[in-house]
Amino acid sequence: TTLPDAGYHAGQFQFASQAHQFGNLLTHNLLPGWLLLGASAVTVRGLIVCLPPAHRSVWQQLTALPPAVTLAWVVRISGLFLLGALTHPLWDGFT
């Protein structure tokens, strides 16, 4: 997510500095990542209903959650959140 940089945009430089530290991966990156995933799943489903049927069916397939949330799925998504958080400072170097 771009949450680590949100502190810079909101003038909360202490939060932004903490979010870029390795020790804060869980509190500043993993937990907010799960919260954003949940919020976006709810929001996107609400917006998909407004689409024409042809577009709706495509977007429903693209945004479908797995039939059963398994431990392996949770670990995989958590790993992706952490990978993004660990490589975030690298990408910041390009901007």
C-alpha atoms as a PDB file:
ATOM      1  CA  THR A   1       0.000   0.000   0.000  1.00  0.00           C
ATOM      2  CA  THR A   2       0.984   3.626  -0.099  1.00  0.00           C
ATOM      3  CA  LEU A   3       0.074   4.016   3.568  1.00  0.00           C
ATOM      4  CA  PRO A   4       3.692   4.587   4.660  1.00  0.00           C
ATOM      5  CA  ASP A   5       3.703   7.771   2.562  1.00  0.00           C
ATOM      6  CA  ALA A   6       0.304   8.982   3.799  1.00  0.00           C
ATOM      7  CA  GLY A   7       1.984  10.590   6.795  1.00  0.00           C
ATOM      8  CA  TYR A   8       4.033  12.820   4.519  1.00  0.00           C
ATOM      9  CA  HIS A   9       0.919  14.028   2.706  1.00  0.00           C
ATOM     10  CA  ALA A  10      -0.966  14.653   5.969  1.00  0.00           C
ATOM     11  CA  GLY A  11       1.931  16.466   7.623  1.00  0.00           C
ATOM     12  CA  GLN A  12       2.441  13.577  10.089  1.00  0.00           C
ATOM     13  CA  PHE A  13       6.168  13.114   9.528  1.00  0.00           C
ATOM     14  CA  GLN A  14       6.698  11.058  12.691  1.00  0.00           C
ATOM     15  CA  PHE A  15       4.117   8.488  11.500  1.00  0.00           C
ATOM     16  CA  ALA A  16       5.684   8.401   8.031  1.00  0.00           C
ATOM     17  CA  SER A  17       9.140   7.911   9.511  1.00  0.00           C
ATOM     18  CA  GLN A  18       7.904   5.080  11.735  1.00  0.00           C
ATOM     19  CA  ALA A  19       6.061   3.448   8.835  1.00  0.00           C
ATOM     20  CA  HIS A  20       9.320   3.136   6.915  1.00  0.00           C
ATOM     21  CA  GLN A  21      11.107   1.305   9.755  1.00  0.00           C
ATOM     22  CA  PHE A  22      11.516  -2.464   9.671  1.00  0.00           C
ATOM     23  CA  GLY A  23      10.222  -2.937  13.219  1.00  0.00           C
ATOM     24  CA  ASN A  24       6.872  -1.413  12.347  1.00  0.00           C
ATOM     25  CA  LEU A  25       5.992  -3.672   9.407  1.00  0.00           C
ATOM     26  CA  LEU A  26       3.121  -5.343  11.247  1.00  0.00           C
ATOM     27  CA  THR A  27       1.471  -2.264  12.739  1.00  0.00           C
ATOM     28  CA  HIS A  28       2.026   0.230   9.921  1.00  0.00           C
ATOM     29  CA  ASN A  29       1.804  -2.056   6.886  1.00  0.00           C
ATOM     30  CA  LEU A  30       0.322  -5.518   7.445  1.00  0.00           C
ATOM     31  CA  LEU A  31      -2.690  -4.555   9.560  1.00  0.00           C
ATOM     32  CA  PRO A  32      -3.628  -1.540   7.402  1.00  0.00           C
ATOM     33  CA  GLY A  33      -3.168  -3.699   4.301  1.00  0.00           C
ATOM     34  CA  TRP A  34      -5.789  -6.144   5.556  1.00  0.00           C
ATOM     35  CA  LEU A  35      -8.119  -3.296   6.523  1.00  0.00           C
ATOM     36  CA  LEU A  36      -7.773  -1.720   3.062  1.00  0.00           C
ATOM     37  CA  LEU A  37      -8.337  -5.079   1.348  1.00  0.00           C
ATOM     38  CA  GLY A  38     -11.544  -5.595   3.305  1.00  0.00           C
ATOM     39  CA  ALA A  39     -12.769  -2.061   2.684  1.00  0.00           C
ATOM     40  CA  SER A  40     -12.008  -2.245  -1.029  1.00  0.00           C
ATOM     41  CA  ALA A  41     -13.782  -5.604  -1.351  1.00  0.00           C
ATOM     42  CA  VAL A  42     -16.938  -4.090   0.127  1.00  0.00           C
ATOM     43  CA  THR A  43     -16.669  -0.876  -1.910  1.00  0.00           C
ATOM     44  CA  VAL A  44     -15.915  -2.575  -5.226  1.00  0.00           C
ATOM     45  CA  ARG A  45     -18.830  -4.968  -4.853  1.00  0.00           C
ATOM     46  CA  GLY A  46     -21.127  -2.023  -4.247  1.00  0.00           C
ATOM     47  CA  LEU A  47     -19.876  -0.281  -7.379  1.00  0.00           C
ATOM     48  CA  ILE A  48     -20.041  -3.391  -9.559  1.00  0.00           C
ATOM     49  CA  VAL A  49     -23.800  -3.556  -9.029  1.00  0.00           C
ATOM     50  CA  CYS A  50     -24.108  -0.236 -10.899  1.00  0.00           C
ATOM     51  CA  LEU A  51     -22.413  -1.542 -14.048  1.00  0.00           C
ATOM     52  CA  PRO A  52     -24.218  -2.866 -17.137  1.00  0.00           C
ATOM     53  CA  PRO A  53     -24.661  -6.684 -17.051  1.00  0.00           C
ATOM     54  CA  ALA A  54     -21.847  -7.447 -19.511  1.00  0.00           C
ATOM     55  CA  HIS A  55     -19.321  -5.363 -17.592  1.00  0.00           C
ATOM     56  CA  ARG A  56     -20.663  -6.545 -14.246  1.00  0.00           C
ATOM     57  CA  SER A  57     -20.002 -10.213 -15.043  1.00  0.00           C
ATOM     58  CA  VAL A  58     -16.397  -9.490 -16.037  1.00  0.00           C
ATOM     59  CA  TRP A  59     -15.687  -7.431 -12.913  1.00  0.00           C
ATOM     60  CA  GLN A  60     -17.347  -9.998 -10.661  1.00  0.00           C
ATOM     61  CA  GLN A  61     -14.954 -12.640 -11.977  1.00  0.00           C
ATOM     62  CA  LEU A  62     -11.929 -10.358 -11.572  1.00  0.00           C
ATOM     63  CA  THR A  63     -12.747  -9.386  -7.997  1.00  0.00           C
ATOM     64  CA  ALA A  64     -14.017 -12.734  -6.720  1.00  0.00           C
ATOM     65  CA  LEU A  65     -12.629 -13.889  -3.407  1.00  0.00           C
ATOM     66  CA  PRO A  66     -11.673 -17.533  -3.030  1.00  0.00           C
ATOM     67  CA  PRO A  67     -14.617 -19.795  -2.115  1.00  0.00           C
ATOM     68  CA  ALA A  68     -13.042 -20.530   1.242  1.00  0.00           C
ATOM     69  CA  VAL A  69     -10.474 -18.383   2.986  1.00  0.00           C
ATOM     70  CA  THR A  70      -7.757 -20.800   4.011  1.00  0.00           C
ATOM     71  CA  LEU A  71      -4.695 -20.352   6.145  1.00  0.00           C
ATOM     72  CA  ALA A  72      -2.548 -20.717   3.022  1.00  0.00           C
ATOM     73  CA  TRP A  73      -4.440 -17.853   1.338  1.00  0.00           C
ATOM     74  CA  VAL A  74      -4.041 -15.610   4.409  1.00  0.00           C
ATOM     75  CA  VAL A  75      -0.315 -16.406   4.611  1.00  0.00           C
ATOM     76  CA  ARG A  76       0.137 -15.740   0.883  1.00  0.00           C
ATOM     77  CA  ILE A  77      -1.664 -12.372   0.993  1.00  0.00           C
ATOM     78  CA  SER A  78       0.189 -11.393   4.176  1.00  0.00           C
ATOM     79  CA  GLY A  79       3.457 -12.283   2.465  1.00  0.00           C
ATOM     80  CA  LEU A  80       2.559 -10.048  -0.462  1.00  0.00           C
ATOM     81  CA  PHE A  81       1.752  -7.161   1.887  1.00  0.00           C
ATOM     82  CA  LEU A  82       5.095  -7.632   3.650  1.00  0.00           C
ATOM     83  CA  LEU A  83       6.987  -7.926   0.367  1.00  0.00           C
ATOM     84  CA  GLY A  84       5.439  -4.644  -0.739  1.00  0.00           C
ATOM     85  CA  ALA A  85       6.360  -3.018   2.565  1.00  0.00           C
ATOM     86  CA  LEU A  86       9.942  -4.310   2.419  1.00  0.00           C
ATOM     87  CA  THR A  87      10.475  -3.104  -1.148  1.00  0.00           C
ATOM     88  CA  HIS A  88       8.658   0.216  -0.625  1.00  0.00           C
ATOM     89  CA  PRO A  89      11.848   2.107   0.354  1.00  0.00           C
ATOM     90  CA  LEU A  90      13.536   0.764  -2.782  1.00  0.00           C
ATOM     91  CA  TRP A  91      10.746   2.182  -4.963  1.00  0.00           C
ATOM     92  CA  ASP A  92      10.897   5.454  -3.038  1.00  0.00           C
ATOM     93  CA  GLY A  93      14.464   5.756  -4.273  1.00  0.00           C
ATOM     94  CA  PHE A  94      13.176   6.077  -7.831  1.00  0.00           C
ATOM     95  CA  THR A  95      10.794   8.912  -7.077  1.00  0.00           C
END
